[in-house]
Amino acid sequence: MHQTYKHSSLLKAAILSLLALCAACSREAAPPAADANAPAALASPPITPGSPLETRPPNGTDFKPAFAGQTRAPAIKSEFPLDISVVAKDLNGAWSFEFLPDQRILVTERQGNLRIVGKDGKVSAPLKGLPKVYFEGQGGLLDVALDPQFATNRTLYWSYAEPRDGGNGTALAKGVLSADESTVESVKVIFRQMPTWDSKLHFGSRIVFAPDGKLFLTLGERSLPETRVHAQDLNSHFGKVVRLNPDGSVPGDNPFAGRSDAKPEIWSYGHRNVQAATLDSQGKLWTIEHGPRGGDELNQPQAGLNYGWPVITYGIEYAGPKIGEGITAKEGMEQPVYYWDPVIAPSGMTFYDGALFPEWQGNLFVGGLGSTKLVRLQMQDGKVVGEEWLLQDRGSRIRDVKQGPDGAVYVVTEAADGQLLRIGRKS
């Protein structure tokens, strides 16, 4: 009987692992294949004042929010017409973009290409000099960011899935854009997520420079049952937000610096797969991470705090069972500011502070992958008080979101023929 139970348990674990891999890939990574017979994308749902937009039952059917407004905020609607225009097209698997000082745009494509989009919308040939990427599953070339002193030092930073002996892992590199803009020179890898693991999933990763010149990098927990528990292990980089100096060294005031039982780069822990990160108007870091089946989380990660995964979560396993003890709160673990159940599959976000849309001042915009929408969150005193869904009629997976120098909101869609879109205001 003991052997039968043991084998049954192993088989169940293997099945759950396989289902998790399949579901995670379909929801968080690969865009759906084009289908000529597929129905047109659904228009935005009708809005009932004071009611949430989400009307489907939650996956965690007996989970309750920890406080009022933690999920399903009241629906809001922008009462002015938007002008949606295509800035660039035929971007293959775009993952991130960043504005150059002259308003041209750097774009990463997951297969390993870094390109420049001109003001005329023309897309350059791939820049040379980048290291090889691990391009499988959710892996590839991921985020890109400019050094705060880019105007004088021409330095770029990028994160990517790095192929290694025995597996792979998220890495952060920096380099200098050549004068003729054809090559990235003086390339140096300044951080490697450890341990190395053979997984195609949950690499993170977003790069955010803080006002003090330090940078944050978000790291996934690699998704597998045996790796997700690393999110609670301070001797692993899995499921962490790390904080680094621009040269990759460890700031002396990091919360775990100087401890022998912890990775000194760690800023916060207990995360699942953070694919959205940005700063608010006070320079504070905000992140959004993928939940499993339910439980996408908006957090404001603070030094040394534990955000709970996989011990507490508002999601369940892709196959249906609860995760761990099936609890949503525990002493010493932080609650999300907001969560979605069912999920939006978030990727990329930005706080808006431009003059083009004064009505959107202080609002948070979040890209949706499986949900194929741009989510606008109205914020008040650090809480979500309203939610709007935009761009649903386009049916496109939105991988990254930025505010442009002109005050418009820009998004990049993920597909073999992806587009860079500008959301302006109709006159």
Protein backbone atom coordinates (compact mmCIF):
# COMPACT_ATOMS: atom_id res chain seq x y z
CA MET A 1 0.00 0.00 0.00
CA HIS A 2 2.83 2.37 0.83
CA GLN A 3 4.48 1.84 -2.56
CA THR A 4 1.18 2.27 -4.39
CA TYR A 5 0.49 5.54 -2.58
CA LYS A 6 4.01 6.78 -3.25
CA HIS A 7 3.78 6.04 -6.97
CA SER A 8 0.33 7.56 -7.17
CA SER A 9 1.59 10.73 -5.50
CA LEU A 10 4.53 10.96 -7.87
CA LEU A 11 2.24 10.47 -10.86
CA LYS A 12 -0.11 13.17 -9.60
CA ALA A 13 2.79 15.57 -9.08
CA ALA A 14 4.09 14.86 -12.59
CA ILE A 15 0.66 15.48 -14.11
CA LEU A 16 0.24 18.76 -12.19
CA SER A 17 3.71 19.85 -13.30
CA LEU A 18 2.94 19.10 -16.94
CA LEU A 19 -0.37 20.95 -16.78
CA ALA A 20 1.35 23.91 -15.14
CA LEU A 21 3.95 24.04 -17.89
CA CYS A 22 1.34 23.93 -20.65
CA ALA A 23 -0.95 26.49 -19.04
CA ALA A 24 1.87 28.87 -18.13
CA CYS A 25 3.27 28.78 -21.66
CA SER A 26 -0.11 29.44 -23.25
CA ARG A 27 -1.10 32.26 -20.92
CA GLU A 28 2.13 34.08 -20.17
CA ALA A 29 4.44 33.48 -23.11
CA ALA A 30 3.58 32.42 -26.62
CA PRO A 31 0.99 34.40 -28.61
CA PRO A 32 -1.92 32.36 -29.94
CA ALA A 33 -1.60 31.10 -33.49
CA ALA A 34 -3.50 33.07 -36.12
CA ASP A 35 -6.83 31.50 -37.04
CA ALA A 36 -8.61 32.80 -40.09
CA ASN A 37 -11.88 31.29 -38.83
CA ALA A 38 -11.64 32.79 -35.36
CA PRO A 39 -14.39 35.24 -34.36
CA ALA A 40 -13.64 38.93 -34.16
CA ALA A 41 -12.43 40.25 -30.82
CA LEU A 42 -15.19 41.17 -28.41
CA ALA A 43 -15.96 44.80 -27.78
CA SER A 44 -15.61 46.26 -24.29
CA PRO A 45 -18.36 45.03 -21.95
CA PRO A 46 -21.14 47.41 -20.97
CA ILE A 47 -20.38 49.37 -17.81
CA THR A 48 -22.72 49.42 -14.83
CA PRO A 49 -21.79 52.34 -12.56
CA GLY A 50 -20.30 51.12 -9.29
CA SER A 51 -19.99 47.51 -10.49
CA PRO A 52 -16.73 45.78 -11.47
CA LEU A 53 -15.94 44.98 -15.09
CA GLU A 54 -15.15 41.36 -14.27
CA THR A 55 -18.34 39.30 -14.06
CA ARG A 56 -16.91 35.77 -14.30
CA PRO A 57 -16.71 33.76 -11.08
CA PRO A 58 -13.27 33.75 -9.45
CA ASN A 59 -11.10 30.64 -9.68
CA GLY A 60 -10.48 30.75 -5.94
CA THR A 61 -14.17 30.35 -5.17
CA ASP A 62 -13.86 30.39 -1.38
CA PHE A 63 -11.10 33.01 -1.14
CA LYS A 64 -12.04 36.38 0.32
CA PRO A 65 -10.12 39.64 -0.15
CA ALA A 66 -8.22 40.89 2.89
CA PHE A 67 -9.74 44.38 2.64
CA ALA A 68 -12.34 46.30 0.67
CA GLY A 69 -11.18 47.24 -2.81
CA GLN A 70 -8.41 44.64 -3.01
CA THR A 71 -10.01 43.14 -6.13
CA ARG A 72 -12.76 43.95 -8.64
CA ALA A 73 -12.66 47.72 -8.29
CA PRO A 74 -15.62 49.68 -9.69
CA ALA A 75 -15.67 50.15 -13.44
CA ILE A 76 -14.67 53.56 -14.80
CA LYS A 77 -14.77 54.95 -18.32
CA SER A 78 -12.74 57.63 -20.11
CA GLU A 79 -15.26 60.13 -21.45
CA PHE A 80 -13.27 61.24 -24.48
CA PRO A 81 -12.38 59.60 -27.81
CA LEU A 82 -8.97 58.03 -28.33
CA ASP A 83 -6.84 58.08 -31.44
CA ILE A 84 -5.06 54.74 -31.97
CA SER A 85 -2.31 54.79 -34.57
CA VAL A 86 0.36 52.32 -35.69
CA VAL A 87 3.90 53.61 -35.16
CA ALA A 88 5.69 50.48 -36.41
CA LYS A 89 4.67 47.02 -37.59
CA ASP A 90 6.10 43.59 -38.42
CA LEU A 91 7.86 43.31 -35.06
CA ASN A 92 8.48 39.62 -34.45
CA GLY A 93 7.84 38.63 -30.83
CA ALA A 94 8.51 42.10 -29.38
CA TRP A 95 8.97 42.05 -25.59
CA SER A 96 10.02 45.55 -24.54
CA PHE A 97 10.68 49.05 -25.83
CA GLU A 98 12.40 52.21 -24.62
CA PHE A 99 12.46 55.78 -25.94
CA LEU A 100 15.80 57.23 -26.98
CA PRO A 101 16.45 60.93 -26.19
CA ASP A 102 15.54 61.92 -29.77
CA GLN A 103 12.20 60.03 -29.51
CA ARG A 104 13.25 57.11 -31.66
CA ILE A 105 12.49 53.79 -29.98
CA LEU A 106 14.55 50.73 -29.03
CA VAL A 107 12.61 47.46 -29.31
CA THR A 108 13.62 43.98 -28.18
CA GLU A 109 12.44 40.87 -30.03
CA ARG A 110 12.54 37.72 -27.99
CA GLN A 111 14.57 35.68 -30.47
CA GLY A 112 17.52 37.95 -29.66
CA ASN A 113 17.13 41.07 -31.79
CA LEU A 114 17.47 44.64 -30.60
CA ARG A 115 16.20 47.12 -33.18
CA ILE A 116 15.67 50.88 -33.49
CA VAL A 117 12.35 52.27 -34.74
CA GLY A 118 12.84 55.57 -36.57
CA LYS A 119 10.49 58.55 -36.38
CA ASP A 120 9.18 57.43 -39.76
CA GLY A 121 8.28 54.01 -38.36
CA LYS A 122 11.01 52.16 -40.22
CA VAL A 123 12.58 49.33 -38.25
CA SER A 124 16.36 48.93 -38.33
CA ALA A 125 18.32 45.76 -38.87
CA PRO A 126 19.19 43.97 -35.60
CA LEU A 127 22.06 45.56 -33.70
CA LYS A 128 25.16 43.42 -33.52
CA GLY A 129 27.14 42.48 -30.42
CA LEU A 130 24.50 41.10 -28.07
CA PRO A 131 25.23 37.74 -26.42
CA LYS A 132 23.35 34.60 -27.45
CA VAL A 133 19.96 34.12 -25.81
CA TYR A 134 18.10 31.02 -24.72
CA PHE A 135 15.09 31.26 -27.05
CA GLU A 136 12.62 28.61 -25.93
CA GLY A 137 9.35 28.72 -24.00
CA GLN A 138 9.27 32.11 -22.31
CA GLY A 139 13.00 32.63 -22.75
CA GLY A 140 14.78 35.06 -25.04
CA LEU A 141 15.80 38.71 -25.14
CA LEU A 142 13.58 40.46 -22.60
CA ASP A 143 13.74 43.99 -21.18
CA VAL A 144 15.82 46.98 -22.26
CA ALA A 145 16.58 50.19 -20.36
CA LEU A 146 18.72 53.27 -20.82
CA ASP A 147 21.39 54.28 -18.38
CA PRO A 148 20.21 57.51 -16.64
CA GLN A 149 23.28 59.18 -18.22
CA PHE A 150 22.66 57.69 -21.68
CA ALA A 151 22.88 61.11 -23.37
CA THR A 152 26.56 61.25 -22.49
CA ASN A 153 27.64 57.61 -22.03
CA ARG A 154 25.36 55.83 -24.58
CA THR A 155 25.04 52.86 -22.21
CA LEU A 156 22.21 50.34 -22.48
CA TYR A 157 21.08 47.61 -20.10
CA TRP A 158 19.13 44.51 -21.10
CA SER A 159 17.91 41.33 -19.47
CA TYR A 160 17.73 37.98 -21.20
CA ALA A 161 17.47 34.24 -20.72
CA GLU A 162 21.09 33.10 -20.78
CA PRO A 163 22.01 29.60 -22.04
CA ARG A 164 24.33 27.83 -19.59
CA ASP A 165 25.82 24.42 -18.96
CA GLY A 166 23.11 22.40 -17.30
CA GLY A 167 20.29 24.85 -18.03
CA ASN A 168 19.70 28.59 -18.18
CA GLY A 169 18.82 31.64 -16.11
CA THR A 170 18.02 35.33 -16.28
CA ALA A 171 21.05 37.56 -16.81
CA LEU A 172 21.55 41.33 -16.89
CA ALA A 173 24.08 42.90 -19.26
CA LYS A 174 25.22 46.37 -20.21
CA GLY A 175 26.94 47.78 -23.27
CA VAL A 176 27.57 50.93 -25.26
CA LEU A 177 25.64 51.84 -28.40
CA SER A 178 28.18 52.49 -31.16
CA ALA A 179 28.38 55.87 -32.85
CA ASP A 180 26.90 54.45 -36.06
CA GLU A 181 24.18 52.64 -34.07
CA SER A 182 24.91 49.30 -35.69
CA THR A 183 26.52 47.56 -32.73
CA VAL A 184 26.48 47.29 -28.95
CA GLU A 185 30.09 47.46 -27.79
CA SER A 186 31.95 46.75 -24.52
CA VAL A 187 29.32 44.19 -23.52
CA LYS A 188 29.53 42.94 -19.95
CA VAL A 189 27.23 40.62 -18.01
CA ILE A 190 26.85 42.25 -14.60
CA PHE A 191 24.39 39.88 -12.89
CA ARG A 192 23.36 36.24 -13.22
CA GLN A 193 20.35 34.72 -11.50
CA MET A 194 21.39 31.65 -9.53
CA PRO A 195 21.05 28.74 -9.37
CA THR A 196 21.17 27.65 -13.01
CA TRP A 197 18.12 25.54 -13.84
CA ASP A 198 16.74 23.70 -16.85
CA SER A 199 13.36 25.40 -17.25
CA LYS A 200 11.66 27.21 -20.12
CA LEU A 201 9.47 29.32 -17.84
CA HIS A 202 9.30 32.35 -15.54
CA PHE A 203 12.42 34.40 -16.25
CA GLY A 204 10.88 37.72 -15.11
CA SER A 205 12.09 40.31 -15.97
CA ARG A 206 11.93 44.11 -15.86
CA ILE A 207 14.68 46.66 -15.28
CA VAL A 208 13.87 49.87 -13.39
CA PHE A 209 16.32 52.64 -12.46
CA ALA A 210 15.54 54.37 -9.17
CA PRO A 211 16.12 58.10 -8.56
CA ASP A 212 19.27 57.30 -6.55
CA GLY A 213 20.85 55.59 -9.58
CA LYS A 214 20.43 52.06 -8.27
CA LEU A 215 18.53 49.60 -10.44
CA PHE A 216 15.89 46.97 -9.73
CA LEU A 217 15.64 43.71 -11.69
CA THR A 218 12.68 41.35 -11.30
CA LEU A 219 13.24 37.59 -11.39
CA GLY A 220 10.79 34.71 -11.85
CA GLU A 221 10.80 31.51 -9.81
CA ARG A 222 11.09 29.27 -12.90
CA SER A 223 7.54 27.83 -12.42
CA LEU A 224 8.36 24.19 -11.69
CA PRO A 225 7.05 22.65 -8.43
CA GLU A 226 10.60 22.08 -7.23
CA THR A 227 11.68 25.66 -8.02
CA ARG A 228 8.66 27.67 -6.86
CA VAL A 229 9.59 26.99 -3.23
CA HIS A 230 12.85 28.89 -3.87
CA ALA A 231 10.78 32.09 -3.79
CA GLN A 232 10.93 31.71 0.03
CA ASP A 233 14.65 30.80 0.06
CA LEU A 234 17.00 33.75 0.63
CA ASN A 235 19.90 31.69 -0.73
CA SER A 236 18.25 31.63 -4.18
CA HIS A 237 17.49 34.41 -6.66
CA PHE A 238 14.27 32.67 -7.79
CA GLY A 239 11.12 34.70 -7.19
CA LYS A 240 12.95 37.84 -6.11
CA VAL A 241 13.32 41.52 -6.85
CA VAL A 242 17.02 42.38 -6.70
CA ARG A 243 18.67 45.78 -6.29
CA LEU A 244 22.06 46.53 -7.83
CA ASN A 245 24.52 49.32 -8.44
CA PRO A 246 24.86 50.22 -12.14
CA ASP A 247 28.06 48.14 -12.35
CA GLY A 248 26.33 45.08 -10.90
CA SER A 249 27.83 45.36 -7.42
CA VAL A 250 25.67 45.16 -4.30
CA PRO A 251 24.53 48.36 -2.55
CA GLY A 252 25.67 48.34 1.05
CA ASP A 253 22.20 49.29 2.30
CA ASN A 254 20.41 46.32 0.70
CA PRO A 255 18.30 44.57 3.35
CA PHE A 256 20.28 41.30 3.33
CA ALA A 257 23.76 42.68 2.58
CA GLY A 258 26.38 41.19 4.88
CA ARG A 259 24.33 38.12 5.82
CA SER A 260 25.89 34.71 5.20
CA ASP A 261 22.50 33.04 4.82
CA ALA A 262 21.13 35.24 2.02
CA LYS A 263 21.93 36.50 -1.45
CA PRO A 264 22.98 40.13 -0.88
CA GLU A 265 21.31 41.38 -4.07
CA ILE A 266 17.79 40.57 -2.79
CA TRP A 267 15.44 43.50 -2.19
CA SER A 268 12.16 41.59 -1.70
CA TYR A 269 11.08 37.97 -2.00
CA GLY A 270 8.11 35.62 -2.25
CA HIS A 271 7.29 36.64 -5.84
CA ARG A 272 6.11 34.39 -8.66
CA ASN A 273 6.86 35.89 -12.09
CA VAL A 274 7.13 39.68 -12.17
CA GLN A 275 6.81 40.96 -15.74
CA ALA A 276 5.74 44.51 -14.93
CA ALA A 277 7.59 47.12 -12.87
CA THR A 278 7.73 50.90 -12.74
CA LEU A 279 8.15 53.89 -10.41
CA ASP A 280 5.42 56.18 -9.12
CA SER A 281 5.68 59.98 -8.87
CA GLN A 282 7.50 59.65 -5.54
CA GLY A 283 10.09 57.31 -7.03
CA LYS A 284 8.72 54.22 -5.28
CA LEU A 285 8.83 50.83 -6.99
CA TRP A 286 5.62 49.03 -8.00
CA THR A 287 5.39 45.58 -9.59
CA ILE A 288 2.78 43.24 -11.00
CA GLU A 289 3.31 39.50 -11.11
CA HIS A 290 1.55 36.64 -12.81
CA GLY A 291 -0.53 34.50 -10.53
CA PRO A 292 -1.24 30.87 -11.40
CA ARG A 293 -4.91 30.26 -12.21
CA GLY A 294 -6.14 33.47 -10.61
CA GLY A 295 -4.23 35.79 -8.33
CA ASP A 296 -2.29 38.23 -10.53
CA GLU A 297 -0.88 40.70 -7.98
CA LEU A 298 -0.10 44.41 -7.83
CA ASN A 299 2.55 45.03 -5.15
CA GLN A 300 4.73 47.85 -3.88
CA PRO A 301 7.87 45.86 -2.94
CA GLN A 302 9.73 47.20 0.06
CA ALA A 303 13.13 46.32 1.42
CA GLY A 304 13.34 42.89 3.02
CA LEU A 305 9.63 42.07 2.89
CA ASN A 306 8.08 38.74 1.94
CA TYR A 307 5.23 38.76 -0.61
CA GLY A 308 4.13 35.23 0.12
CA TRP A 309 4.41 33.02 -2.96
CA PRO A 310 3.85 30.06 -2.89
CA VAL A 311 2.70 29.96 0.75
CA ILE A 312 -0.12 32.46 0.30
CA THR A 313 -1.88 33.24 -2.98
CA TYR A 314 -5.29 34.16 -4.36
CA GLY A 315 -4.79 31.67 -7.19
CA ILE A 316 -5.04 27.90 -7.55
CA GLU A 317 -3.12 25.28 -9.53
CA TYR A 318 -3.82 25.22 -13.27
CA ALA A 319 -5.20 21.70 -12.78
CA GLY A 320 -7.64 22.93 -10.12
CA PRO A 321 -6.37 22.05 -6.62
CA LYS A 322 -5.40 24.69 -4.10
CA ILE A 323 -1.73 25.57 -3.71
CA GLY A 324 -0.02 24.37 -0.57
CA GLU A 325 -2.33 24.86 2.41
CA GLY A 326 -4.73 26.89 0.29
CA ILE A 327 -4.36 30.05 2.38
CA THR A 328 -4.37 33.71 1.33
CA ALA A 329 -2.80 35.32 4.41
CA LYS A 330 -0.09 34.54 6.94
CA GLU A 331 1.75 36.55 9.55
CA GLY A 332 4.99 38.01 8.20
CA MET A 333 3.77 37.95 4.58
CA GLU A 334 2.52 40.99 2.69
CA GLN A 335 -0.87 41.34 1.05
CA PRO A 336 -1.05 42.55 -2.55
CA VAL A 337 -2.36 46.07 -3.03
CA TYR A 338 -4.71 44.60 -5.65
CA TYR A 339 -5.30 41.28 -7.38
CA TRP A 340 -7.20 39.85 -10.35
CA ASP A 341 -9.12 36.58 -10.36
CA PRO A 342 -9.60 35.52 -13.14
CA VAL A 343 -6.31 36.94 -14.35
CA ILE A 344 -5.31 39.58 -16.88
CA ALA A 345 -1.87 37.94 -17.48
CA PRO A 346 0.05 41.21 -16.92
CA SER A 347 3.15 42.39 -18.76
CA GLY A 348 4.53 45.91 -18.71
CA MET A 349 3.14 48.91 -16.86
CA THR A 350 3.60 52.63 -16.34
CA PHE A 351 2.21 55.42 -14.18
CA TYR A 352 0.86 58.30 -16.24
CA ASP A 353 1.91 61.90 -15.54
CA GLY A 354 1.65 63.54 -18.97
CA ALA A 355 -0.24 66.65 -20.04
CA LEU A 356 -2.07 65.08 -23.00
CA PHE A 357 -4.54 63.32 -20.68
CA PRO A 358 -4.97 65.36 -17.48
CA GLU A 359 -7.84 63.04 -16.57
CA TRP A 360 -5.37 60.15 -16.36
CA GLN A 361 -2.86 61.84 -14.06
CA GLY A 362 -1.57 59.35 -11.49
CA ASN A 363 -3.29 56.39 -13.17
CA LEU A 364 -1.50 53.08 -13.70
CA PHE A 365 -1.58 51.37 -17.11
CA VAL A 366 -0.95 47.62 -17.36
CA GLY A 367 -0.59 45.43 -20.44
CA GLY A 368 -2.57 42.19 -20.69
CA LEU A 369 -1.40 39.08 -22.55
CA GLY A 370 -4.05 36.35 -22.46
CA SER A 371 -6.67 39.00 -21.67
CA THR A 372 -5.63 41.06 -24.75
CA LYS A 373 -6.38 44.41 -23.19
CA LEU A 374 -4.79 47.49 -21.69
CA VAL A 375 -5.91 47.97 -18.10
CA ARG A 376 -6.20 51.45 -16.58
CA LEU A 377 -6.21 51.60 -12.79
CA GLN A 378 -7.34 54.75 -11.05
CA MET A 379 -5.24 55.16 -7.90
CA GLN A 380 -5.97 57.03 -4.69
CA ASP A 381 -3.75 57.02 -1.59
CA GLY A 382 -1.91 53.94 -2.82
CA LYS A 383 -5.08 51.93 -3.47
CA VAL A 384 -7.01 51.00 -6.61
CA VAL A 385 -10.38 52.78 -6.75
CA GLY A 386 -11.39 52.20 -10.38
CA GLU A 387 -10.59 50.00 -13.39
CA GLU A 388 -11.04 50.46 -17.14
CA TRP A 389 -10.28 48.03 -19.97
CA LEU A 390 -8.98 49.53 -23.22
CA LEU A 391 -7.98 48.14 -26.66
CA GLN A 392 -10.05 44.97 -26.23
CA ASP A 393 -11.49 45.36 -29.71
CA ARG A 394 -8.02 44.78 -31.21
CA GLY A 395 -7.58 41.32 -29.70
CA SER A 396 -3.80 41.79 -29.35
CA ARG A 397 -1.50 40.54 -26.59
CA ILE A 398 0.02 43.65 -25.02
CA ARG A 399 3.57 42.96 -23.88
CA ASP A 400 4.85 46.39 -22.78
CA VAL A 401 3.48 49.85 -21.95
CA LYS A 402 5.26 53.22 -21.78
CA GLN A 403 4.35 56.89 -21.63
CA GLY A 404 5.91 58.71 -24.57
CA PRO A 405 7.73 62.04 -24.52
CA ASP A 406 4.67 63.55 -26.25
CA GLY A 407 2.34 62.49 -23.42
CA ALA A 408 0.70 59.70 -25.41
CA VAL A 409 0.56 56.10 -24.14
CA TYR A 410 2.47 53.57 -26.25
CA VAL A 411 2.12 49.80 -26.24
CA VAL A 412 3.81 46.99 -28.12
CA THR A 413 1.83 43.91 -29.13
CA GLU A 414 3.31 40.44 -29.13
CA ALA A 415 2.92 38.45 -32.34
CA ALA A 416 4.91 37.40 -35.40
CA ASP A 417 3.60 40.62 -36.96
CA GLY A 418 3.46 42.69 -33.77
CA GLN A 419 2.86 46.41 -33.74
CA LEU A 420 3.96 49.44 -31.76
CA LEU A 421 0.82 51.49 -31.12
CA ARG A 422 0.32 55.09 -30.01
CA ILE A 423 -2.75 56.00 -27.96
CA GLY A 424 -3.44 59.68 -28.43
CA ARG A 425 -6.41 61.95 -27.99
CA LYS A 426 -8.80 62.74 -30.80
CA SER A 427 -9.20 66.45 -31.36
